């Protein structure tokens, strides 16, 4: 079905095949692995390290030019095969087709009127590429012996994808052929395009993403070449950096969590056809039906015939969209920038502030967010700032005074200030902190707007500038909001206004959950860091209530970057044994494509 893949062989200028000796390639791979496995660079040296790593990768890519497995034609040529395969496999295909939506790229177009909350799409398990299907494939023997693959489902999916792509008899070829051949994730950026991100909050993650991907590639290149369990993999003669970068980006922009068949565990999966849906603001509308063993999606809103069908990827910031999905979403209702705050341990009142925060369920040092909407701070951040600005007398009142427990609970409620002076202090702090963060950028918002008007700006540079501008606009809004609030409470203090009094029945929860209450209980990302919490890994496996066992899923191209905390834990042991096993065996992982005329920009790709 469809066109066959082909392997290109690089040619020299004389027409003869370019021969790269295995020893020469292995030396480059070893050098890359050593560079990427070294200690983190000192502050301010991250860009220098990135340049060095990229230089080594470029050397490897040059020697591997033309060796990757590719498919004839463009991805749109394979959409009919994708739809036919889906229909034959028991998926629903009568309500939509795949279409090109210009600047948004490919997506699903309704072929009839669809009502909001109507079940219009389902994908059976046998179509999904999962960690379980990887274990039962040619990758199984290596998976059973490699701790990195066992610990990191996204790495397993990337290799599963590569192995199936190289197999002309793979049942997933209709899906794999329909994927973009390139993406707009930062892994595909040119060096000068990455440089545009310098100064943004995203750049550290972008540089780490590249470093980790390069390390993983070098590690697995050795593994594929030397490990006995890898001898049957169809990758030994053709496993290029570009192959791995493609697979990583495919998984990163598409992976999601589903339950195992018995519902006992959560695993990662790629969901064909459904992952063609582009993103918009809204609510999670996709879940997993265990009784019918299929992924199900209901309509986010009413759709007329020929309209594009959207889904909601989740509450991601634009930085997360750019890093993990490869696009910038202009109207992102959940955009935010991170702000790291903490009470200094050298402060005289540290113990008292830490105790009040602990009773409120907030760490004394953590990462919060400034939001694009009003108010720019969450209830949790409001509570932190109130405690951060408390006097010794106010702290005693919240620890030992009358109704101390009730007062702790209301710390995040804007209706019940600690004092007018406390409100003035916290909003002054926010105003000043946001203004200081703005000064760290080398360009102004107006300069960014002018740059975006340039017609010759590359897509990636445009996205980088849009992200940079969005961060500044959030900080500008936060600073302006802080000033307005400060003036408001200064007036309250000047007028001698009484503090609002509260009764027990008025006590609000620390978190404002009005919006969250409208969301289904979802399975959160395996390694999600919640605002106001310390960095730690948690797994969530809540079931939705209903007649059937249905898993709600954060269907948002739920891909974490390929560098995850799990990897950091496992690789310490794995890499510590590299020297001893290097000569014989090796062991060791939220779109956009570089656009062509027939493959324009889209949310997920």
Protein backbone atom coordinates (compact mmCIF):
# COMPACT_ATOMS: atom_id res chain seq x y z
CA UNK A 1 0.00 0.00 0.00
CA UNK A 2 1.47 3.33 -1.02
CA UNK A 3 4.95 4.03 -2.29
CA UNK A 4 8.02 2.20 -1.16
CA UNK A 5 10.79 3.67 0.93
CA UNK A 6 14.25 4.06 -0.41
CA UNK A 7 17.70 4.47 1.09
CA UNK A 8 19.82 7.23 -0.38
CA UNK A 9 23.58 6.69 -0.56
CA UNK A 10 25.71 9.79 -0.40
CA UNK A 11 27.78 10.43 -3.52
CA UNK A 12 31.02 12.30 -3.82
CA UNK A 13 31.61 14.88 -6.53
CA UNK A 14 33.21 12.19 -8.71
CA UNK A 15 30.10 10.06 -8.51
CA UNK A 16 31.56 7.38 -6.28
CA UNK A 17 29.95 6.53 -2.97
CA UNK A 18 31.48 8.35 -0.05
CA UNK A 19 32.92 5.82 2.34
CA UNK A 20 33.16 6.66 6.03
CA UNK A 21 35.15 4.09 7.95
CA UNK A 22 33.41 2.56 10.98
CA UNK A 23 36.40 3.53 13.12
CA UNK A 24 36.22 7.17 12.02
CA UNK A 25 32.51 7.36 12.75
CA UNK A 26 32.87 5.61 16.11
CA UNK A 27 35.60 8.05 17.12
CA UNK A 28 33.30 10.99 16.37
CA UNK A 29 30.44 9.30 18.23
CA UNK A 30 32.66 8.66 21.26
CA UNK A 31 33.79 12.28 21.26
CA UNK A 32 30.17 13.44 21.12
CA UNK A 33 29.14 11.10 23.91
CA UNK A 34 31.97 12.29 26.12
CA UNK A 35 31.17 15.94 25.47
CA UNK A 36 27.46 15.50 26.17
CA UNK A 37 28.06 13.43 29.30
CA UNK A 38 30.37 15.92 30.96
CA UNK A 39 29.33 18.02 33.92
CA UNK A 40 26.96 20.91 33.33
CA UNK A 41 28.78 24.06 32.23
CA UNK A 42 29.19 26.97 34.59
CA UNK A 43 26.65 29.78 34.46
CA UNK A 44 26.94 31.76 31.25
CA UNK A 45 28.80 28.99 29.42
CA UNK A 46 25.74 27.08 28.17
CA UNK A 47 25.78 28.70 24.74
CA UNK A 48 29.47 27.95 24.31
CA UNK A 49 28.83 24.29 25.13
CA UNK A 50 25.91 24.20 22.69
CA UNK A 51 28.15 25.51 19.89
CA UNK A 52 30.73 22.80 20.60
CA UNK A 53 28.13 20.02 20.69
CA UNK A 54 26.46 21.31 17.55
CA UNK A 55 29.84 21.41 15.78
CA UNK A 56 30.40 17.71 16.50
CA UNK A 57 26.85 16.85 15.44
CA UNK A 58 27.29 18.76 12.18
CA UNK A 59 30.46 16.76 11.44
CA UNK A 60 28.54 13.53 11.98
CA UNK A 61 25.57 14.71 9.93
CA UNK A 62 27.84 15.68 7.04
CA UNK A 63 29.37 12.21 6.92
CA UNK A 64 25.90 10.63 7.12
CA UNK A 65 24.36 12.78 4.41
CA UNK A 66 22.03 10.81 2.16
CA UNK A 67 21.98 7.69 4.36
CA UNK A 68 18.59 8.16 6.02
CA UNK A 69 15.52 6.16 5.07
CA UNK A 70 13.04 8.44 3.31
CA UNK A 71 9.80 8.00 1.39
CA UNK A 72 9.07 9.08 -2.16
CA UNK A 73 6.77 12.04 -2.62
CA UNK A 74 5.27 14.21 0.11
CA UNK A 75 3.27 13.23 3.15
CA UNK A 76 -0.01 14.35 1.59
CA UNK A 77 0.40 11.58 -0.99
CA UNK A 78 -0.10 9.08 1.81
CA UNK A 79 -3.19 10.58 3.46
CA UNK A 80 -5.58 8.40 1.39
CA UNK A 81 -3.69 5.31 2.58
CA UNK A 82 -3.89 6.56 6.17
CA UNK A 83 -7.68 6.97 5.97
CA UNK A 84 -8.17 3.60 4.25
CA UNK A 85 -6.03 1.83 6.81
CA UNK A 86 -7.87 3.53 9.68
CA UNK A 87 -11.25 2.52 8.27
CA UNK A 88 -10.14 -1.08 7.72
CA UNK A 89 -8.84 -1.16 11.31
CA UNK A 90 -12.16 -0.11 12.81
CA UNK A 91 -11.56 3.61 13.35
CA UNK A 92 -14.27 6.19 12.64
CA UNK A 93 -13.58 8.07 9.40
CA UNK A 94 -17.03 9.16 8.17
CA UNK A 95 -17.14 12.60 9.80
CA UNK A 96 -13.94 14.19 8.51
CA UNK A 97 -11.09 14.13 6.04
CA UNK A 98 -7.51 15.40 6.11
CA UNK A 99 -7.13 18.88 4.60
CA UNK A 100 -4.63 21.71 4.28
CA UNK A 101 -5.55 24.80 6.29
CA UNK A 102 -2.89 27.19 5.02
CA UNK A 103 -0.84 28.72 7.80
CA UNK A 104 -2.19 26.14 10.26
CA UNK A 105 -1.10 23.30 8.01
CA UNK A 106 -2.78 19.92 7.77
CA UNK A 107 -5.69 19.10 10.04
CA UNK A 108 -9.09 17.42 10.09
CA UNK A 109 -11.97 18.99 8.13
CA UNK A 110 -15.57 18.10 8.96
CA UNK A 111 -17.44 16.39 6.12
CA UNK A 112 -20.78 16.94 7.89
CA UNK A 113 -22.20 19.07 10.68
CA UNK A 114 -20.94 17.89 14.08
CA UNK A 115 -22.54 18.89 17.37
CA UNK A 116 -20.57 19.88 20.46
CA UNK A 117 -19.78 16.87 22.69
CA UNK A 118 -20.70 14.46 19.88
CA UNK A 119 -18.44 11.40 19.63
CA UNK A 120 -16.99 11.78 16.16
CA UNK A 121 -13.63 9.99 16.36
CA UNK A 122 -12.39 6.76 17.87
CA UNK A 123 -9.16 4.84 17.32
CA UNK A 124 -8.86 1.16 18.37
CA UNK A 125 -5.85 -0.03 20.33
CA UNK A 126 -4.47 -2.14 17.49
CA UNK A 127 -3.74 1.07 15.55
CA UNK A 128 -1.74 2.63 18.37
CA UNK A 129 2.03 2.46 18.62
CA UNK A 130 2.75 1.92 22.29
CA UNK A 131 5.50 0.88 24.66
CA UNK A 132 3.76 -2.50 24.82
CA UNK A 133 3.73 -2.95 21.05
CA UNK A 134 7.41 -2.00 21.07
CA UNK A 135 8.14 -4.76 23.58
CA UNK A 136 6.37 -7.24 21.31
CA UNK A 137 8.27 -6.11 18.22
CA UNK A 138 11.80 -6.62 16.90
CA UNK A 139 12.87 -4.11 19.58
CA UNK A 140 11.76 -6.49 22.35
CA UNK A 141 15.06 -8.31 22.98
CA UNK A 142 16.99 -5.06 23.33
CA UNK A 143 14.26 -3.50 25.47
CA UNK A 144 14.46 -6.41 27.91
CA UNK A 145 18.17 -5.78 28.47
CA UNK A 146 18.44 -2.01 28.36
CA UNK A 147 17.65 0.08 31.44
CA UNK A 148 17.27 3.34 29.55
CA UNK A 149 14.59 1.94 27.25
CA UNK A 150 12.82 0.37 30.21
CA UNK A 151 12.88 3.62 32.18
CA UNK A 152 11.94 5.99 29.39
CA UNK A 153 8.88 5.24 27.32
CA UNK A 154 9.46 8.14 24.95
CA UNK A 155 12.87 6.73 23.94
CA UNK A 156 11.27 3.35 23.39
CA UNK A 157 8.61 4.90 21.15
CA UNK A 158 11.26 6.75 19.14
CA UNK A 159 13.13 3.51 18.43
CA UNK A 160 9.90 1.64 17.81
CA UNK A 161 9.05 4.27 15.20
CA UNK A 162 12.47 3.98 13.52
CA UNK A 163 12.39 0.19 13.40
CA UNK A 164 8.89 0.11 11.93
CA UNK A 165 9.77 2.81 9.40
CA UNK A 166 12.61 0.62 8.12
CA UNK A 167 10.38 -2.47 7.86
CA UNK A 168 8.51 -2.66 4.51
CA UNK A 169 6.03 -5.09 6.10
CA UNK A 170 5.22 -2.94 9.15
CA UNK A 171 1.47 -2.66 9.84
CA UNK A 172 2.03 0.99 10.83
CA UNK A 173 3.54 2.14 7.51
CA UNK A 174 0.36 4.00 6.43
CA UNK A 175 0.68 6.06 9.59
CA UNK A 176 4.46 6.51 9.51
CA UNK A 177 4.42 7.63 5.87
CA UNK A 178 1.85 10.30 6.72
CA UNK A 179 4.11 11.92 9.34
CA UNK A 180 6.12 15.05 8.48
CA UNK A 181 9.62 14.36 7.22
CA UNK A 182 10.89 17.33 9.25
CA UNK A 183 9.59 19.35 12.18
CA UNK A 184 9.73 22.86 13.56
CA UNK A 185 10.91 21.83 17.02
CA UNK A 186 14.12 23.63 18.09
CA UNK A 187 16.04 20.44 17.24
CA UNK A 188 15.59 21.51 13.61
CA UNK A 189 16.53 25.17 14.11
CA UNK A 190 19.61 26.63 12.46
CA UNK A 191 22.20 27.94 14.91
CA UNK A 192 21.36 31.58 14.22
CA UNK A 193 17.66 30.79 14.82
CA UNK A 194 18.43 29.26 18.22
CA UNK A 195 20.47 32.37 18.98
CA UNK A 196 17.30 34.47 18.66
CA UNK A 197 16.00 32.60 21.70
CA UNK A 198 18.89 33.79 23.87
CA UNK A 199 17.51 35.78 26.76
CA UNK A 200 14.15 34.02 26.74
CA UNK A 201 13.04 31.62 29.44
CA UNK A 202 12.88 28.86 26.82
CA UNK A 203 16.52 28.92 25.80
CA UNK A 204 17.85 26.82 28.69
CA UNK A 205 15.39 24.03 27.90
CA UNK A 206 16.19 24.31 24.19
CA UNK A 207 19.93 23.94 24.80
CA UNK A 208 19.36 21.06 27.21
CA UNK A 209 17.03 19.40 24.72
CA UNK A 210 19.71 19.46 22.04
CA UNK A 211 22.43 18.23 24.40
CA UNK A 212 20.33 15.36 25.67
CA UNK A 213 19.23 14.33 22.19
CA UNK A 214 22.85 14.34 20.99
CA UNK A 215 23.94 12.29 24.02
CA UNK A 216 21.15 9.79 23.50
CA UNK A 217 21.99 9.45 19.83
CA UNK A 218 25.68 8.81 20.50
CA UNK A 219 24.82 6.34 23.23
CA UNK A 220 22.35 4.41 21.08
CA UNK A 221 24.59 4.49 18.02
CA UNK A 222 27.16 2.50 20.00
CA UNK A 223 24.41 0.28 21.33
CA UNK A 224 23.06 -0.52 17.85
CA UNK A 225 26.55 -1.28 16.56
CA UNK A 226 27.77 -3.44 19.43
CA UNK A 227 24.99 -4.96 21.53
CA UNK A 228 24.11 -8.58 20.57
CA UNK A 229 20.41 -7.93 21.25
CA UNK A 230 20.48 -5.14 18.64
CA UNK A 231 21.78 -7.38 15.85
CA UNK A 232 18.30 -7.95 14.42
CA UNK A 233 17.32 -4.28 14.37
CA UNK A 234 17.00 -2.81 10.86
CA UNK A 235 19.11 0.18 11.94
CA UNK A 236 22.68 -1.06 11.94
CA UNK A 237 23.46 0.13 8.40
CA UNK A 238 21.41 3.30 8.63
CA UNK A 239 20.97 5.04 11.96
CA UNK A 240 21.76 8.69 11.45
CA UNK A 241 21.46 11.66 13.75
CA UNK A 242 18.77 13.02 11.45
CA UNK A 243 16.85 9.74 11.87
CA UNK A 244 16.94 10.03 15.64
CA UNK A 245 16.10 13.73 15.60
CA UNK A 246 13.08 12.96 13.42
CA UNK A 247 11.91 10.12 15.65
CA UNK A 248 12.39 12.17 18.83
CA UNK A 249 10.40 15.07 17.39
CA UNK A 250 7.66 12.75 16.11
CA UNK A 251 7.25 11.31 19.60
CA UNK A 252 7.72 14.60 21.42
CA UNK A 253 4.94 16.31 19.44
CA UNK A 254 2.53 13.37 19.59
CA UNK A 255 2.96 11.04 22.55
CA UNK A 256 0.13 10.63 25.03
CA UNK A 257 -0.76 8.42 27.95
CA UNK A 258 -3.22 5.56 27.72
CA UNK A 259 -4.05 2.67 30.08
CA UNK A 260 -2.80 -0.84 29.44
CA UNK A 261 -5.44 -3.30 28.27
CA UNK A 262 -6.16 -4.44 31.82
CA UNK A 263 -6.21 -0.85 33.08
CA UNK A 264 -3.51 -1.52 35.66
CA UNK A 265 -0.82 0.81 34.33
CA UNK A 266 -0.35 3.90 32.19
CA UNK A 267 1.85 3.72 29.11
CA UNK A 268 2.85 6.10 26.34
CA UNK A 269 1.35 5.82 22.88
CA UNK A 270 1.19 7.40 19.43
CA UNK A 271 -2.40 7.75 18.20
CA UNK A 272 -2.70 7.78 14.40
CA UNK A 273 -5.19 10.07 12.67
CA UNK A 274 -6.33 11.70 15.92
CA UNK A 275 -2.93 13.40 16.12
CA UNK A 276 -3.76 15.30 12.94
CA UNK A 277 -6.05 17.58 14.97
CA UNK A 278 -4.73 21.09 15.55
CA UNK A 279 -4.90 22.99 18.83
CA UNK A 280 -7.21 25.69 20.10
CA UNK A 281 -8.30 26.98 23.51
CA UNK A 282 -10.91 24.89 25.28
CA UNK A 283 -11.21 21.79 27.43
CA UNK A 284 -9.93 18.23 27.26
CA UNK A 285 -12.34 16.24 25.09
CA UNK A 286 -10.43 12.99 24.58
CA UNK A 287 -10.39 9.93 26.79
CA UNK A 288 -9.78 6.21 26.67
CA UNK A 289 -12.72 3.77 26.75
CA UNK A 290 -11.47 0.55 28.36
CA UNK A 291 -14.67 -1.37 27.67
CA UNK A 292 -14.41 -0.85 23.92
CA UNK A 293 -10.61 -0.59 24.14
CA UNK A 294 -10.28 2.52 22.07
CA UNK A 295 -9.33 6.17 22.24
CA UNK A 296 -12.41 8.40 21.91
CA UNK A 297 -12.76 12.09 21.10
CA UNK A 298 -15.89 14.23 21.34
CA UNK A 299 -16.31 17.54 19.57
CA UNK A 300 -15.02 20.58 21.43
CA UNK A 301 -17.75 22.74 19.89
CA UNK A 302 -20.27 22.77 17.05
CA UNK A 303 -18.62 22.33 13.67
CA UNK A 304 -20.25 23.02 10.33
CA UNK A 305 -19.43 20.99 7.26
CA UNK A 306 -15.99 21.96 5.84
CA UNK A 307 -14.85 23.63 9.08
CA UNK A 308 -11.63 22.57 10.75
CA UNK A 309 -12.00 20.31 13.81
CA UNK A 310 -9.81 21.35 16.73
CA UNK A 311 -8.87 19.78 20.05
CA UNK A 312 -7.32 21.28 23.18
CA UNK A 313 -3.75 20.12 23.80
CA UNK A 314 -3.77 21.22 27.44
CA UNK A 315 -2.73 24.19 29.54
CA UNK A 316 0.68 24.69 27.98
CA UNK A 317 2.55 27.95 27.83
CA UNK A 318 3.87 29.18 24.50
CA UNK A 319 7.38 28.29 25.65
CA UNK A 320 6.23 24.69 26.06
CA UNK A 321 4.47 24.76 22.69
CA UNK A 322 7.61 26.07 20.98
CA UNK A 323 9.97 23.63 22.70
CA UNK A 324 7.88 20.47 22.53
CA UNK A 325 5.44 21.06 19.66
CA UNK A 326 7.20 23.46 17.34
CA UNK A 327 4.63 26.24 17.09
CA UNK A 328 3.59 29.50 18.73
CA UNK A 329 -0.12 29.88 19.57
CA UNK A 330 -1.06 33.53 19.29
CA UNK A 331 -4.24 33.43 21.39
CA UNK A 332 -2.96 31.18 24.17
CA UNK A 333 -5.24 31.69 27.17
CA UNK A 334 -2.78 29.76 29.34
CA UNK A 335 0.43 31.56 28.41
CA UNK A 336 2.73 32.36 31.32
CA UNK A 337 6.32 32.96 32.30
CA UNK A 338 8.13 31.30 35.17
CA UNK A 339 9.33 33.20 38.20
CA UNK A 340 11.48 31.54 40.85
CA UNK A 341 10.94 32.88 44.35
CA UNK A 342 12.18 31.87 47.77
CA UNK A 343 12.56 33.06 51.31
CA UNK A 344 16.26 33.51 52.10
CA UNK A 345 17.47 31.12 54.78
CA UNK A 346 19.66 33.92 56.12
CA UNK A 347 16.62 36.09 56.84
CA UNK A 348 15.85 36.59 60.52
CA UNK A 349 12.19 35.61 60.08
CA UNK A 350 12.92 32.63 57.81
CA UNK A 351 11.74 29.94 60.26
CA UNK A 352 8.42 31.69 60.91
CA UNK A 353 7.74 32.38 57.23
CA UNK A 354 8.67 28.82 56.28
CA UNK A 355 6.27 27.49 58.92
CA UNK A 356 3.35 29.62 57.74
CA UNK A 357 4.03 28.60 54.14
CA UNK A 358 4.28 24.94 55.15
CA UNK A 359 0.89 25.14 56.86
CA UNK A 360 -0.48 26.62 53.62
CA UNK A 361 1.08 23.76 51.63
CA UNK A 362 3.63 25.95 49.84
CA UNK A 363 7.42 25.36 49.77
CA UNK A 364 9.66 28.17 51.00
CA UNK A 365 11.41 28.14 47.62
CA UNK A 366 9.71 27.19 44.38
CA UNK A 367 8.80 28.16 40.82
CA UNK A 368 5.61 30.14 40.24
CA UNK A 369 4.13 31.66 37.11
CA UNK A 370 3.02 35.07 35.95
CA UNK A 371 0.00 34.68 33.71
CA UNK A 372 -1.10 36.49 30.59
CA UNK A 373 -4.57 37.19 31.97
CA UNK A 374 -5.81 39.24 34.92
CA UNK A 375 -4.96 38.74 37.70
CA UNK A 376 -1.43 37.82 36.62
CA UNK A 377 -0.78 35.74 39.74
CA UNK A 378 -2.46 32.61 41.06
CA UNK A 379 -3.95 32.21 44.51
CA UNK A 380 -0.87 30.22 45.48
CA UNK A 381 1.53 32.96 44.45
CA UNK A 382 -0.63 35.56 46.21
CA UNK A 383 -0.39 33.49 49.39
CA UNK A 384 3.39 33.17 49.03
CA UNK A 385 3.88 36.90 48.49
CA UNK A 386 1.70 37.75 51.47
CA UNK A 387 3.82 35.55 53.71
CA UNK A 388 7.01 36.78 52.06
CA UNK A 389 6.07 40.37 52.99
CA UNK A 390 4.73 39.72 56.50
CA UNK A 391 6.08 41.48 59.56
CA UNK A 392 7.01 39.54 62.69
CA UNK A 393 3.73 40.53 64.34
CA UNK A 394 1.69 39.37 61.34
CA UNK A 395 3.55 36.06 61.26
CA UNK A 396 2.80 35.48 64.96
CA UNK A 397 -0.84 36.27 64.31
CA UNK A 398 -1.00 33.63 61.56
CA UNK A 399 0.82 31.09 63.69
CA UNK A 400 -0.60 31.69 67.19
CA UNK A 401 -3.37 34.26 66.99
CA UNK A 402 -7.11 33.73 67.21
CA UNK A 403 -8.40 31.81 64.21
CA UNK A 404 -4.87 31.16 62.96
CA UNK A 405 -5.96 28.05 61.05
CA UNK A 406 -8.75 29.95 59.30
CA UNK A 407 -6.37 32.77 58.43
CA UNK A 408 -3.90 30.31 56.86
CA UNK A 409 -6.63 28.96 54.61
CA UNK A 410 -7.58 32.44 53.39
CA UNK A 411 -4.02 33.45 52.49
CA UNK A 412 -4.72 32.88 48.80
CA UNK A 413 -8.04 34.68 48.79
CA UNK A 414 -7.77 38.20 47.41
CA UNK A 415 -10.85 39.27 49.42
CA UNK A 416 -9.07 39.01 52.77
CA UNK A 417 -5.78 40.96 52.91
CA UNK A 418 -3.33 40.45 55.77
CA UNK A 419 -3.12 44.22 56.11
CA UNK A 420 -3.13 47.21 53.76
CA UNK A 421 0.61 47.59 54.36
CA UNK A 422 1.18 43.94 53.43
CA UNK A 423 -0.78 44.34 50.20
CA UNK A 424 1.22 47.45 49.30
CA UNK A 425 4.48 45.60 49.91
CA UNK A 426 3.60 42.52 47.87
CA UNK A 427 2.28 44.45 44.87
CA UNK A 428 5.30 46.75 45.00
CA UNK A 429 7.51 43.67 45.00
CA UNK A 430 5.68 42.23 41.99
CA UNK A 431 5.81 45.54 40.11
CA UNK A 432 9.55 45.88 40.73
CA UNK A 433 10.44 42.23 40.08
CA UNK A 434 8.61 42.16 36.74
CA UNK A 435 10.26 45.43 35.70
CA UNK A 436 13.69 44.04 36.57
CA UNK A 437 13.06 40.89 34.55
CA UNK A 438 12.10 43.05 31.58
CA UNK A 439 15.49 44.75 31.72
CA UNK A 440 17.28 41.43 31.15
CA UNK A 441 16.13 41.34 27.51
CA UNK A 442 18.39 42.91 24.89
CA UNK A 443 15.48 44.17 22.78
CA UNK A 444 12.30 46.06 23.61
CA UNK A 445 8.78 44.98 22.76
CA UNK A 446 8.62 47.67 20.09
CA UNK A 447 11.87 46.45 18.52
CA UNK A 448 10.48 42.91 18.44
CA UNK A 449 7.30 44.15 16.74
CA UNK A 450 9.42 45.90 14.12
CA UNK A 451 11.45 42.73 13.50
CA UNK A 452 8.28 40.71 12.98
CA UNK A 453 7.33 43.02 10.11
CA UNK A 454 10.36 41.90 8.09
CA UNK A 455 9.16 39.81 5.12
CA UNK A 456 12.37 37.77 4.84
CA UNK A 457 12.27 36.49 8.43
CA UNK A 458 12.57 32.69 8.65
CA UNK A 459 9.70 30.76 10.21
CA UNK A 460 11.82 29.65 13.16
CA UNK A 461 13.18 33.14 13.80
CA UNK A 462 9.65 34.50 13.65
CA UNK A 463 8.47 31.97 16.23
CA UNK A 464 11.45 32.80 18.48
CA UNK A 465 10.72 36.53 18.31
CA UNK A 466 7.01 35.93 18.93
CA UNK A 467 7.90 33.96 22.04
CA UNK A 468 10.33 36.62 23.22
CA UNK A 469 7.70 39.32 22.70
CA UNK A 470 5.01 37.31 24.49
CA UNK A 471 7.23 36.92 27.54
CA UNK A 472 7.81 40.66 27.68
CA UNK A 473 4.13 41.43 27.30
CA UNK A 474 3.30 39.17 30.24
CA UNK A 475 5.95 40.88 32.36
CA UNK A 476 4.71 44.31 31.27
CA UNK A 477 1.17 43.35 32.21
CA UNK A 478 2.32 42.00 35.58
CA UNK A 479 4.29 45.16 36.34
CA UNK A 480 1.38 47.39 35.35
CA UNK A 481 -1.01 45.28 37.40
CA UNK A 482 1.32 45.49 40.39
CA UNK A 483 1.44 49.27 40.10
CA UNK A 484 -2.35 49.58 39.82
CA UNK A 485 -2.85 47.32 42.85
CA UNK A 486 -0.23 49.20 44.84
CA UNK A 487 -1.93 52.53 44.17
CA UNK A 488 -5.30 51.01 45.03
CA UNK A 489 -4.15 49.77 48.43
CA UNK A 490 -2.19 52.95 49.16
CA UNK A 491 -5.52 54.76 48.76
CA UNK A 492 -7.19 52.25 51.11
CA UNK A 493 -4.51 52.88 53.72
CA UNK A 494 -4.68 56.64 53.26
CA UNK A 495 -8.46 56.62 53.66
CA UNK A 496 -8.25 54.44 56.77
CA UNK A 497 -10.54 51.85 55.17
CA UNK A 498 -11.36 48.92 57.49
CA UNK A 499 -9.99 45.51 56.54
CA UNK A 500 -12.66 43.13 55.24
CA UNK A 501 -14.00 40.89 57.97
CA UNK A 502 -14.77 37.27 57.31
CA UNK A 503 -16.91 34.60 58.89
CA UNK A 504 -16.09 30.89 58.91
CA UNK A 505 -18.65 30.31 56.17
CA UNK A 506 -16.74 32.73 53.95
CA UNK A 507 -13.45 30.86 54.10
CA UNK A 508 -12.24 30.11 50.61
CA UNK A 509 -9.84 27.40 49.57
CA UNK A 510 -6.24 28.31 48.98
CA UNK A 511 -6.59 27.47 45.30
CA UNK A 512 -9.21 29.14 43.11
CA UNK A 513 -10.72 26.10 41.39
CA UNK A 514 -13.59 27.63 39.43
CA UNK A 515 -11.93 26.91 36.11
CA UNK A 516 -10.40 23.60 37.15
CA UNK A 517 -13.78 22.33 38.32
CA UNK A 518 -14.97 22.42 34.73
CA UNK A 519 -12.21 20.10 33.59
CA UNK A 520 -12.46 16.31 33.69
CA UNK A 521 -10.13 14.48 36.01
CA UNK A 522 -7.15 13.87 33.79
CA UNK A 523 -4.02 11.87 33.71
CA UNK A 524 -1.33 14.47 34.00
CA UNK A 525 2.02 14.35 32.27
CA UNK A 526 4.28 11.74 33.77
CA UNK A 527 6.79 14.36 34.85
CA UNK A 528 4.77 17.52 35.22
CA UNK A 529 5.91 20.26 37.55
CA UNK A 530 2.95 22.03 39.07
CA UNK A 531 3.16 25.71 39.91
CA UNK A 532 4.18 26.25 43.50
CA UNK A 533 5.44 22.72 44.03
CA UNK A 534 8.95 21.46 44.43
CA UNK A 535 10.40 19.66 41.42
CA UNK A 536 9.47 16.03 41.84
CA UNK A 537 8.05 13.19 39.78
CA UNK A 538 4.47 12.10 40.40
CA UNK A 539 2.24 9.67 38.57
CA UNK A 540 -1.50 10.27 38.40
CA UNK A 541 -3.90 7.50 37.48
CA UNK A 542 -7.38 8.77 38.28
CA UNK A 543 -10.43 7.19 36.68
CA UNK A 544 -13.31 9.23 35.42
CA UNK A 545 -16.65 8.32 36.94
CA UNK A 546 -19.10 6.79 34.49
CA UNK A 547 -20.82 3.66 33.29
CA UNK A 548 -17.67 2.48 31.57
CA UNK A 549 -14.09 2.51 32.78
CA UNK A 550 -12.86 5.53 30.88
CA UNK A 551 -9.54 7.25 31.31
CA UNK A 552 -9.46 10.97 30.82
CA UNK A 553 -6.26 11.93 29.07
CA UNK A 554 -4.39 15.18 28.75
CA UNK A 555 -4.51 14.82 25.00
CA UNK A 556 -2.28 17.67 24.13
CA UNK A 557 0.59 16.21 22.13
CA UNK A 558 1.48 15.20 25.64
CA UNK A 559 5.13 14.85 24.81
CA UNK A 560 7.71 15.74 27.30
CA UNK A 561 11.09 16.70 25.92
CA UNK A 562 13.23 13.67 25.32
CA UNK A 563 15.40 14.68 28.24
CA UNK A 564 13.44 13.72 31.33
CA UNK A 565 14.29 13.53 35.00
CA UNK A 566 13.98 9.73 34.78
CA UNK A 567 16.85 9.69 32.32
CA UNK A 568 19.05 11.63 34.70
CA UNK A 569 18.48 9.05 37.41
CA UNK A 570 19.05 6.03 35.20
CA UNK A 571 21.90 7.31 33.07
CA UNK A 572 24.17 7.80 36.08
CA UNK A 573 24.38 4.05 36.49
CA UNK A 574 24.33 3.36 32.78
CA UNK A 575 27.07 5.78 31.82
CA UNK A 576 29.24 4.81 34.76
CA UNK A 577 29.73 1.42 33.09
CA UNK A 578 30.38 2.69 29.58
CA UNK A 579 34.13 2.30 29.80
CA UNK A 580 33.91 -1.34 30.78
CA UNK A 581 31.31 -2.34 28.19
CA UNK A 582 32.15 0.06 25.38
CA UNK A 583 34.10 -2.50 23.36
CA UNK A 584 31.35 -5.09 23.37
CA UNK A 585 27.92 -3.81 24.42
CA UNK A 586 26.19 -0.52 24.99
CA UNK A 587 22.89 0.26 26.65
CA UNK A 588 21.03 3.47 27.23
CA UNK A 589 14.81 8.75 25.74
CA UNK A 590 4.37 18.37 23.46
CA UNK A 591 4.04 20.34 15.70
CA UNK A 592 5.97 21.70 13.09
CA UNK A 593 7.81 20.68 10.00
CA UNK A 594 10.29 22.61 8.01
CA UNK A 595 7.74 23.72 5.49
CA UNK A 596 7.68 23.02 1.82
CA UNK A 597 5.00 24.14 -0.59
CA UNK A 598 2.89 21.11 0.21
CA UNK A 599 3.73 20.95 3.90
CA UNK A 600 3.00 24.31 5.54
CA UNK A 601 2.98 25.19 9.22
CA UNK A 602 0.56 23.39 11.47
CA UNK A 603 0.03 23.08 15.19
CA UNK A 604 0.95 19.45 15.67
CA UNK A 605 1.97 18.36 12.16
